[in-house]
Amino acid sequence: VQAGGSLRLSCAASGLTFSNYRMGWFRQAP
C-alpha cells in the first residue's frame, strides 16, 4: 500500500474454542 493508505488484516482460527481466547496481533520488521 501507499503511505497514508489502509489495510484490513484478518486472522481465521480453527481447532480451538475461539470465543474463549484473547487474540493479539504482533509484527516483526527485518
Full PDB file with SEQRES, HELIX, SHEET, SSBOND, CRYST1, ORIGX, SCALE, CONECT and MASTER records, all heavy atoms in Angstrom:
SEQRES   1 A   30  VAL GLN ALA GLY GLY SER LEU ARG LEU SER CYS ALA ALA          
SEQRES   2 A   30  SER GLY LEU THR PHE SER ASN TYR ARG MET GLY TRP PHE          
SEQRES   3 A   30  ARG GLN ALA PRO                                              
HELIX    1 AA1 PHE A   18  ASN A   20  5                                   3    
CRYST1    1.000    1.000    1.000  90.00  90.00  90.00 P 1           1          
ORIGX1      1.000000  0.000000  0.000000        0.00000                         
ORIGX2      0.000000  1.000000  0.000000        0.00000                         
ORIGX3      0.000000  0.000000  1.000000        0.00000                         
SCALE1      1.000000  0.000000  0.000000        0.00000                         
SCALE2      0.000000  1.000000  0.000000        0.00000                         
SCALE3      0.000000  0.000000  1.000000        0.00000                         
ATOM      1  N   VAL A   1       0.836  -1.190   0.000  1.00  0.00           N  
ATOM      2  CA  VAL A   1       0.000   0.000   0.000  1.00  0.00           C  
ATOM      3  C   VAL A   1       0.873   1.243   0.000  1.00  0.00           C  
ATOM      4  O   VAL A   1       2.037   1.212   0.410  1.00  0.00           O  
ATOM      5  CB  VAL A   1      -0.963   0.054   1.201  1.00  0.00           C  
ATOM      6  CG1 VAL A   1      -1.945  -1.107   1.159  1.00  0.00           C  
ATOM      7  CG2 VAL A   1      -0.189   0.050   2.515  1.00  0.00           C  
ATOM      8  N   GLN A   2       0.298   2.339  -0.440  1.00  0.00           N  
ATOM      9  CA  GLN A   2       0.972   3.625  -0.405  1.00  0.00           C  
ATOM     10  C   GLN A   2       0.909   4.213   0.998  1.00  0.00           C  
ATOM     11  O   GLN A   2      -0.015   3.932   1.769  1.00  0.00           O  
ATOM     12  CB  GLN A   2       0.315   4.598  -1.381  1.00  0.00           C  
ATOM     13  CG  GLN A   2       0.292   4.149  -2.824  1.00  0.00           C  
ATOM     14  CD  GLN A   2       1.454   4.696  -3.613  1.00  0.00           C  
ATOM     15  OE1 GLN A   2       1.849   5.836  -3.424  1.00  0.00           O  
ATOM     16  NE2 GLN A   2       2.002   3.893  -4.506  1.00  0.00           N  
ATOM     17  N   ALA A   3       1.907   5.014   1.337  1.00  0.00           N  
ATOM     18  CA  ALA A   3       1.874   5.727   2.606  1.00  0.00           C  
ATOM     19  C   ALA A   3       0.583   6.530   2.719  1.00  0.00           C  
ATOM     20  O   ALA A   3       0.155   7.173   1.761  1.00  0.00           O  
ATOM     21  CB  ALA A   3       3.085   6.642   2.736  1.00  0.00           C  
ATOM     22  N   GLY A   4      -0.024   6.473   3.894  1.00  0.00           N  
ATOM     23  CA  GLY A   4      -1.295   7.134   4.111  1.00  0.00           C  
ATOM     24  C   GLY A   4      -2.495   6.254   3.832  1.00  0.00           C  
ATOM     25  O   GLY A   4      -3.628   6.630   4.173  1.00  0.00           O  
ATOM     26  N   GLY A   5      -2.265   5.103   3.245  1.00  0.00           N  
ATOM     27  CA  GLY A   5      -3.342   4.195   2.911  1.00  0.00           C  
ATOM     28  C   GLY A   5      -3.740   3.302   4.061  1.00  0.00           C  
ATOM     29  O   GLY A   5      -3.237   3.426   5.184  1.00  0.00           O  
ATOM     30  N   SER A   6      -4.633   2.372   3.773  1.00  0.00           N  
ATOM     31  CA  SER A   6      -5.195   1.496   4.792  1.00  0.00           C  
ATOM     32  C   SER A   6      -5.181   0.048   4.342  1.00  0.00           C  
ATOM     33  O   SER A   6      -5.218  -0.254   3.149  1.00  0.00           O  
ATOM     34  CB  SER A   6      -6.642   1.893   5.104  1.00  0.00           C  
ATOM     35  OG  SER A   6      -6.729   3.215   5.601  1.00  0.00           O  
ATOM     36  N   LEU A   7      -5.138  -0.840   5.315  1.00  0.00           N  
ATOM     37  CA  LEU A   7      -5.285  -2.270   5.100  1.00  0.00           C  
ATOM     38  C   LEU A   7      -6.098  -2.846   6.240  1.00  0.00           C  
ATOM     39  O   LEU A   7      -6.054  -2.343   7.361  1.00  0.00           O  
ATOM     40  CB  LEU A   7      -3.937  -2.982   5.048  1.00  0.00           C  
ATOM     41  CG  LEU A   7      -3.104  -2.907   3.782  1.00  0.00           C  
ATOM     42  CD1 LEU A   7      -1.758  -3.583   4.017  1.00  0.00           C  
ATOM     43  CD2 LEU A   7      -3.825  -3.557   2.612  1.00  0.00           C  
ATOM     44  N   ARG A   8      -6.808  -3.913   5.947  1.00  0.00           N  
ATOM     45  CA  ARG A   8      -7.517  -4.650   6.976  1.00  0.00           C  
ATOM     46  C   ARG A   8      -7.034  -6.089   6.971  1.00  0.00           C  
ATOM     47  O   ARG A   8      -7.257  -6.818   6.004  1.00  0.00           O  
ATOM     48  CB  ARG A   8      -9.023  -4.616   6.753  1.00  0.00           C  
ATOM     49  CG  ARG A   8      -9.822  -5.155   7.940  1.00  0.00           C  
ATOM     50  CD  ARG A   8     -11.276  -5.362   7.585  1.00  0.00           C  
ATOM     51  NE  ARG A   8     -12.100  -5.572   8.772  1.00  0.00           N  
ATOM     52  CZ  ARG A   8     -13.324  -6.114   8.750  1.00  0.00           C  
ATOM     53  NH1 ARG A   8     -13.866  -6.492   7.598  1.00  0.00           N  
ATOM     54  NH2 ARG A   8     -14.001  -6.255   9.885  1.00  0.00           N  
ATOM     55  N   LEU A   9      -6.371  -6.477   8.046  1.00  0.00           N  
ATOM     56  CA  LEU A   9      -5.882  -7.832   8.185  1.00  0.00           C  
ATOM     57  C   LEU A   9      -6.935  -8.703   8.847  1.00  0.00           C  
ATOM     58  O   LEU A   9      -7.689  -8.247   9.704  1.00  0.00           O  
ATOM     59  CB  LEU A   9      -4.607  -7.867   9.023  1.00  0.00           C  
ATOM     60  CG  LEU A   9      -3.458  -6.963   8.582  1.00  0.00           C  
ATOM     61  CD1 LEU A   9      -2.247  -7.185   9.487  1.00  0.00           C  
ATOM     62  CD2 LEU A   9      -3.102  -7.202   7.127  1.00  0.00           C  
ATOM     63  N   SER A  10      -6.966  -9.967   8.453  1.00  0.00           N  
ATOM     64  CA  SER A  10      -7.871 -10.932   9.048  1.00  0.00           C  
ATOM     65  C   SER A  10      -7.081 -12.124   9.551  1.00  0.00           C  
ATOM     66  O   SER A  10      -6.039 -12.474   8.999  1.00  0.00           O  
ATOM     67  CB  SER A  10      -8.910 -11.411   8.021  1.00  0.00           C  
ATOM     68  OG  SER A  10      -9.712 -10.353   7.562  1.00  0.00           O  
ATOM     69  N   CYS A  11      -7.587 -12.743  10.591  1.00  0.00           N  
ATOM     70  CA  CYS A  11      -6.998 -13.963  11.135  1.00  0.00           C  
ATOM     71  C   CYS A  11      -8.121 -14.944  11.391  1.00  0.00           C  
ATOM     72  O   CYS A  11      -8.965 -14.710  12.265  1.00  0.00           O  
ATOM     73  CB  CYS A  11      -6.231 -13.667  12.425  1.00  0.00           C  
ATOM     74  SG  CYS A  11      -5.649 -15.139  13.303  1.00  0.00           S  
ATOM     75  N   ALA A  12      -8.132 -16.014  10.634  1.00  0.00           N  
ATOM     76  CA  ALA A  12      -9.142 -17.055  10.780  1.00  0.00           C  
ATOM     77  C   ALA A  12      -8.594 -18.169  11.655  1.00  0.00           C  
ATOM     78  O   ALA A  12      -7.522 -18.711  11.383  1.00  0.00           O  
ATOM     79  CB  ALA A  12      -9.545 -17.594   9.415  1.00  0.00           C  
ATOM     80  N   ALA A  13      -9.336 -18.515  12.689  1.00  0.00           N  
ATOM     81  CA  ALA A  13      -8.902 -19.523  13.646  1.00  0.00           C  
ATOM     82  C   ALA A  13      -9.724 -20.795  13.491  1.00  0.00           C  
ATOM     83  O   ALA A  13     -10.919 -20.755  13.200  1.00  0.00           O  
ATOM     84  CB  ALA A  13      -9.038 -18.999  15.072  1.00  0.00           C  
ATOM     85  N   SER A  14      -9.069 -21.923  13.706  1.00  0.00           N  
ATOM     86  CA  SER A  14      -9.746 -23.215  13.701  1.00  0.00           C  
ATOM     87  C   SER A  14      -9.082 -24.121  14.727  1.00  0.00           C  
ATOM     88  O   SER A  14      -7.935 -23.911  15.103  1.00  0.00           O  
ATOM     89  CB  SER A  14      -9.715 -23.858  12.313  1.00  0.00           C  
ATOM     90  OG  SER A  14      -8.382 -24.099  11.891  1.00  0.00           O  
ATOM     91  N   GLY A  15      -9.816 -25.120  15.172  1.00  0.00           N  
ATOM     92  CA  GLY A  15      -9.262 -26.077  16.117  1.00  0.00           C  
ATOM     93  C   GLY A  15      -9.256 -25.615  17.562  1.00  0.00           C  
ATOM     94  O   GLY A  15      -8.664 -26.287  18.416  1.00  0.00           O  
ATOM     95  N   LEU A  16      -9.882 -24.492  17.857  1.00  0.00           N  
ATOM     96  CA  LEU A  16      -9.973 -24.001  19.217  1.00  0.00           C  
ATOM     97  C   LEU A  16     -11.342 -23.376  19.448  1.00  0.00           C  
ATOM     98  O   LEU A  16     -12.060 -23.071  18.496  1.00  0.00           O  
ATOM     99  CB  LEU A  16      -8.842 -23.016  19.528  1.00  0.00           C  
ATOM    100  CG  LEU A  16      -8.595 -21.845  18.567  1.00  0.00           C  
ATOM    101  CD1 LEU A  16      -9.702 -20.803  18.640  1.00  0.00           C  
ATOM    102  CD2 LEU A  16      -7.252 -21.200  18.865  1.00  0.00           C  
ATOM    103  N   THR A  17     -11.670 -23.217  20.713  1.00  0.00           N  
ATOM    104  CA  THR A  17     -12.903 -22.510  21.061  1.00  0.00           C  
ATOM    105  C   THR A  17     -12.583 -21.027  21.041  1.00  0.00           C  
ATOM    106  O   THR A  17     -12.161 -20.449  22.037  1.00  0.00           O  
ATOM    107  CB  THR A  17     -13.415 -22.958  22.430  1.00  0.00           C  
ATOM    108  OG1 THR A  17     -13.565 -24.386  22.449  1.00  0.00           O  
ATOM    109  CG2 THR A  17     -14.769 -22.311  22.723  1.00  0.00           C  
ATOM    110  N   PHE A  18     -12.781 -20.434  19.894  1.00  0.00           N  
ATOM    111  CA  PHE A  18     -12.287 -19.101  19.618  1.00  0.00           C  
ATOM    112  C   PHE A  18     -12.728 -18.068  20.643  1.00  0.00           C  
ATOM    113  O   PHE A  18     -11.937 -17.222  21.064  1.00  0.00           O  
ATOM    114  CB  PHE A  18     -12.732 -18.686  18.212  1.00  0.00           C  
ATOM    115  CG  PHE A  18     -12.254 -17.330  17.793  1.00  0.00           C  
ATOM    116  CD1 PHE A  18     -10.947 -17.144  17.380  1.00  0.00           C  
ATOM    117  CD2 PHE A  18     -13.111 -16.246  17.810  1.00  0.00           C  
ATOM    118  CE1 PHE A  18     -10.501 -15.895  16.986  1.00  0.00           C  
ATOM    119  CE2 PHE A  18     -12.679 -14.988  17.412  1.00  0.00           C  
ATOM    120  CZ  PHE A  18     -11.375 -14.818  17.000  1.00  0.00           C  
ATOM    121  N   SER A  19     -13.976 -18.127  21.049  1.00  0.00           N  
ATOM    122  CA  SER A  19     -14.503 -17.106  21.944  1.00  0.00           C  
ATOM    123  C   SER A  19     -13.861 -17.122  23.323  1.00  0.00           C  
ATOM    124  O   SER A  19     -14.010 -16.162  24.075  1.00  0.00           O  
ATOM    125  CB  SER A  19     -16.023 -17.247  22.076  1.00  0.00           C  
ATOM    126  OG  SER A  19     -16.369 -18.511  22.615  1.00  0.00           O  
ATOM    127  N   ASN A  20     -13.155 -18.181  23.671  1.00  0.00           N  
ATOM    128  CA  ASN A  20     -12.506 -18.285  24.973  1.00  0.00           C  
ATOM    129  C   ASN A  20     -11.091 -17.726  24.992  1.00  0.00           C  
ATOM    130  O   ASN A  20     -10.457 -17.714  26.049  1.00  0.00           O  
ATOM    131  CB  ASN A  20     -12.463 -19.739  25.433  1.00  0.00           C  
ATOM    132  CG  ASN A  20     -13.836 -20.288  25.774  1.00  0.00           C  
ATOM    133  OD1 ASN A  20     -14.799 -19.539  25.918  1.00  0.00           O  
ATOM    134  ND2 ASN A  20     -13.927 -21.601  25.906  1.00  0.00           N  
ATOM    135  N   TYR A  21     -10.591 -17.269  23.857  1.00  0.00           N  
ATOM    136  CA  TYR A  21      -9.206 -16.840  23.746  1.00  0.00           C  
ATOM    137  C   TYR A  21      -9.087 -15.330  23.614  1.00  0.00           C  
ATOM    138  O   TYR A  21      -9.877 -14.692  22.919  1.00  0.00           O  
ATOM    139  CB  TYR A  21      -8.538 -17.482  22.527  1.00  0.00           C  
ATOM    140  CG  TYR A  21      -8.176 -18.934  22.700  1.00  0.00           C  
ATOM    141  CD1 TYR A  21      -9.150 -19.918  22.735  1.00  0.00           C  
ATOM    142  CD2 TYR A  21      -6.843 -19.322  22.810  1.00  0.00           C  
ATOM    143  CE1 TYR A  21      -8.810 -21.254  22.894  1.00  0.00           C  
ATOM    144  CE2 TYR A  21      -6.493 -20.646  22.958  1.00  0.00           C  
ATOM    145  CZ  TYR A  21      -7.481 -21.612  23.000  1.00  0.00           C  
ATOM    146  OH  TYR A  21      -7.133 -22.938  23.144  1.00  0.00           O  
ATOM    147  N   ARG A  22      -8.064 -14.792  24.281  1.00  0.00           N  
ATOM    148  CA  ARG A  22      -7.623 -13.453  23.948  1.00  0.00           C  
ATOM    149  C   ARG A  22      -6.867 -13.544  22.632  1.00  0.00           C  
ATOM    150  O   ARG A  22      -6.039 -14.437  22.438  1.00  0.00           O  
ATOM    151  CB  ARG A  22      -6.709 -12.892  25.027  1.00  0.00           C  
ATOM    152  CG  ARG A  22      -6.183 -11.494  24.715  1.00  0.00           C  
ATOM    153  CD  ARG A  22      -5.088 -11.071  25.680  1.00  0.00           C  
ATOM    154  NE  ARG A  22      -5.536 -11.093  27.056  1.00  0.00           N  
ATOM    155  CZ  ARG A  22      -6.222 -10.136  27.657  1.00  0.00           C  
ATOM    156  NH1 ARG A  22      -6.532  -9.024  26.987  1.00  0.00           N  
ATOM    157  NH2 ARG A  22      -6.592 -10.250  28.924  1.00  0.00           N  
ATOM    158  N   MET A  23      -7.124 -12.616  21.742  1.00  0.00           N  
ATOM    159  CA  MET A  23      -6.463 -12.602  20.453  1.00  0.00           C  
ATOM    160  C   MET A  23      -5.578 -11.367  20.337  1.00  0.00           C  
ATOM    161  O   MET A  23      -5.955 -10.279  20.786  1.00  0.00           O  
ATOM    162  CB  MET A  23      -7.478 -12.611  19.310  1.00  0.00           C  
ATOM    163  CG  MET A  23      -8.430 -13.807  19.336  1.00  0.00           C  
ATOM    164  SD  MET A  23      -7.569 -15.407  19.193  1.00  0.00           S  
ATOM    165  CE  MET A  23      -6.833 -15.243  17.562  1.00  0.00           C  
ATOM    166  N   GLY A  24      -4.426 -11.557  19.732  1.00  0.00           N  
ATOM    167  CA  GLY A  24      -3.490 -10.455  19.606  1.00  0.00           C  
ATOM    168  C   GLY A  24      -2.855 -10.398  18.236  1.00  0.00           C  
ATOM    169  O   GLY A  24      -2.861 -11.369  17.478  1.00  0.00           O  
ATOM    170  N   TRP A  25      -2.327  -9.229  17.933  1.00  0.00           N  
ATOM    171  CA  TRP A  25      -1.531  -9.009  16.728  1.00  0.00           C  
ATOM    172  C   TRP A  25      -0.143  -8.533  17.132  1.00  0.00           C  
ATOM    173  O   TRP A  25      -0.001  -7.640  17.981  1.00  0.00           O  
ATOM    174  CB  TRP A  25      -2.163  -7.969  15.808  1.00  0.00           C  
ATOM    175  CG  TRP A  25      -3.388  -8.442  15.089  1.00  0.00           C  
ATOM    176  CD1 TRP A  25      -4.686  -8.259  15.454  1.00  0.00           C  
ATOM    177  CD2 TRP A  25      -3.424  -9.174  13.853  1.00  0.00           C  
ATOM    178  NE1 TRP A  25      -5.532  -8.824  14.533  1.00  0.00           N  
ATOM    179  CE2 TRP A  25      -4.785  -9.394  13.542  1.00  0.00           C  
ATOM    180  CE3 TRP A  25      -2.445  -9.652  12.989  1.00  0.00           C  
ATOM    181  CZ2 TRP A  25      -5.183 -10.077  12.395  1.00  0.00           C  
ATOM    182  CZ3 TRP A  25      -2.847 -10.339  11.853  1.00  0.00           C  
ATOM    183  CH2 TRP A  25      -4.197 -10.551  11.567  1.00  0.00           C  
ATOM    184  N   PHE A  26       0.856  -9.120  16.518  1.00  0.00           N  
ATOM    185  CA  PHE A  26       2.243  -8.728  16.678  1.00  0.00           C  
ATOM    186  C   PHE A  26       2.835  -8.486  15.296  1.00  0.00           C  
ATOM    187  O   PHE A  26       2.269  -8.899  14.285  1.00  0.00           O  
ATOM    188  CB  PHE A  26       3.037  -9.807  17.416  1.00  0.00           C  
ATOM    189  CG  PHE A  26       2.636  -9.986  18.855  1.00  0.00           C  
ATOM    190  CD1 PHE A  26       1.477 -10.660  19.189  1.00  0.00           C  
ATOM    191  CD2 PHE A  26       3.423  -9.480  19.876  1.00  0.00           C  
ATOM    192  CE1 PHE A  26       1.099 -10.834  20.507  1.00  0.00           C  
ATOM    193  CE2 PHE A  26       3.068  -9.641  21.206  1.00  0.00           C  
ATOM    194  CZ  PHE A  26       1.903 -10.319  21.521  1.00  0.00           C  
ATOM    195  N   ARG A  27       3.980  -7.838  15.269  1.00  0.00           N  
ATOM    196  CA  ARG A  27       4.646  -7.636  13.990  1.00  0.00           C  
ATOM    197  C   ARG A  27       6.150  -7.716  14.166  1.00  0.00           C  
ATOM    198  O   ARG A  27       6.684  -7.504  15.252  1.00  0.00           O  
ATOM    199  CB  ARG A  27       4.253  -6.291  13.369  1.00  0.00           C  
ATOM    200  CG  ARG A  27       4.820  -5.071  14.078  1.00  0.00           C  
ATOM    201  CD  ARG A  27       4.307  -3.783  13.443  1.00  0.00           C  
ATOM    202  NE  ARG A  27       4.984  -2.603  13.960  1.00  0.00           N  
ATOM    203  CZ  ARG A  27       4.676  -1.363  13.621  1.00  0.00           C  
ATOM    204  NH1 ARG A  27       3.696  -1.127  12.752  1.00  0.00           N  
ATOM    205  NH2 ARG A  27       5.356  -0.342  14.141  1.00  0.00           N  
ATOM    206  N   GLN A  28       6.821  -8.022  13.070  1.00  0.00           N  
ATOM    207  CA  GLN A  28       8.269  -8.114  13.088  1.00  0.00           C  
ATOM    208  C   GLN A  28       8.824  -7.587  11.779  1.00  0.00           C  
ATOM    209  O   GLN A  28       8.513  -8.105  10.711  1.00  0.00           O  
ATOM    210  CB  GLN A  28       8.731  -9.552  13.314  1.00  0.00           C  
ATOM    211  CG  GLN A  28      10.223  -9.688  13.533  1.00  0.00           C  
ATOM    212  CD  GLN A  28      10.612 -11.044  14.096  1.00  0.00           C  
ATOM    213  OE1 GLN A  28       9.856 -12.008  13.987  1.00  0.00           O  
ATOM    214  NE2 GLN A  28      11.773 -11.127  14.700  1.00  0.00           N  
ATOM    215  N   ALA A  29       9.640  -6.556  11.891  1.00  0.00           N  
ATOM    216  CA  ALA A  29      10.316  -5.983  10.746  1.00  0.00           C  
ATOM    217  C   ALA A  29      11.694  -6.609  10.610  1.00  0.00           C  
ATOM    218  O   ALA A  29      12.254  -7.111  11.584  1.00  0.00           O  
ATOM    219  CB  ALA A  29      10.431  -4.468  10.905  1.00  0.00           C  
ATOM    220  N   PRO A  30      12.275  -6.581   9.419  1.00  0.00           N  
ATOM    221  CA  PRO A  30      13.615  -7.153   9.233  1.00  0.00           C  
ATOM    222  C   PRO A  30      14.629  -6.554  10.195  1.00  0.00           C  
ATOM    223  O   PRO A  30      14.720  -5.328  10.333  1.00  0.00           O  
ATOM    224  CB  PRO A  30      13.947  -6.797   7.787  1.00  0.00           C  
ATOM    225  CG  PRO A  30      12.619  -6.676   7.119  1.00  0.00           C  
ATOM    226  CD  PRO A  30      11.713  -6.077   8.160  1.00  0.00           C  
TER     227      PRO A  30                                                      
MASTER        0    0    0    1    0    0    0    6  226    1    0    3          
END                                                                             
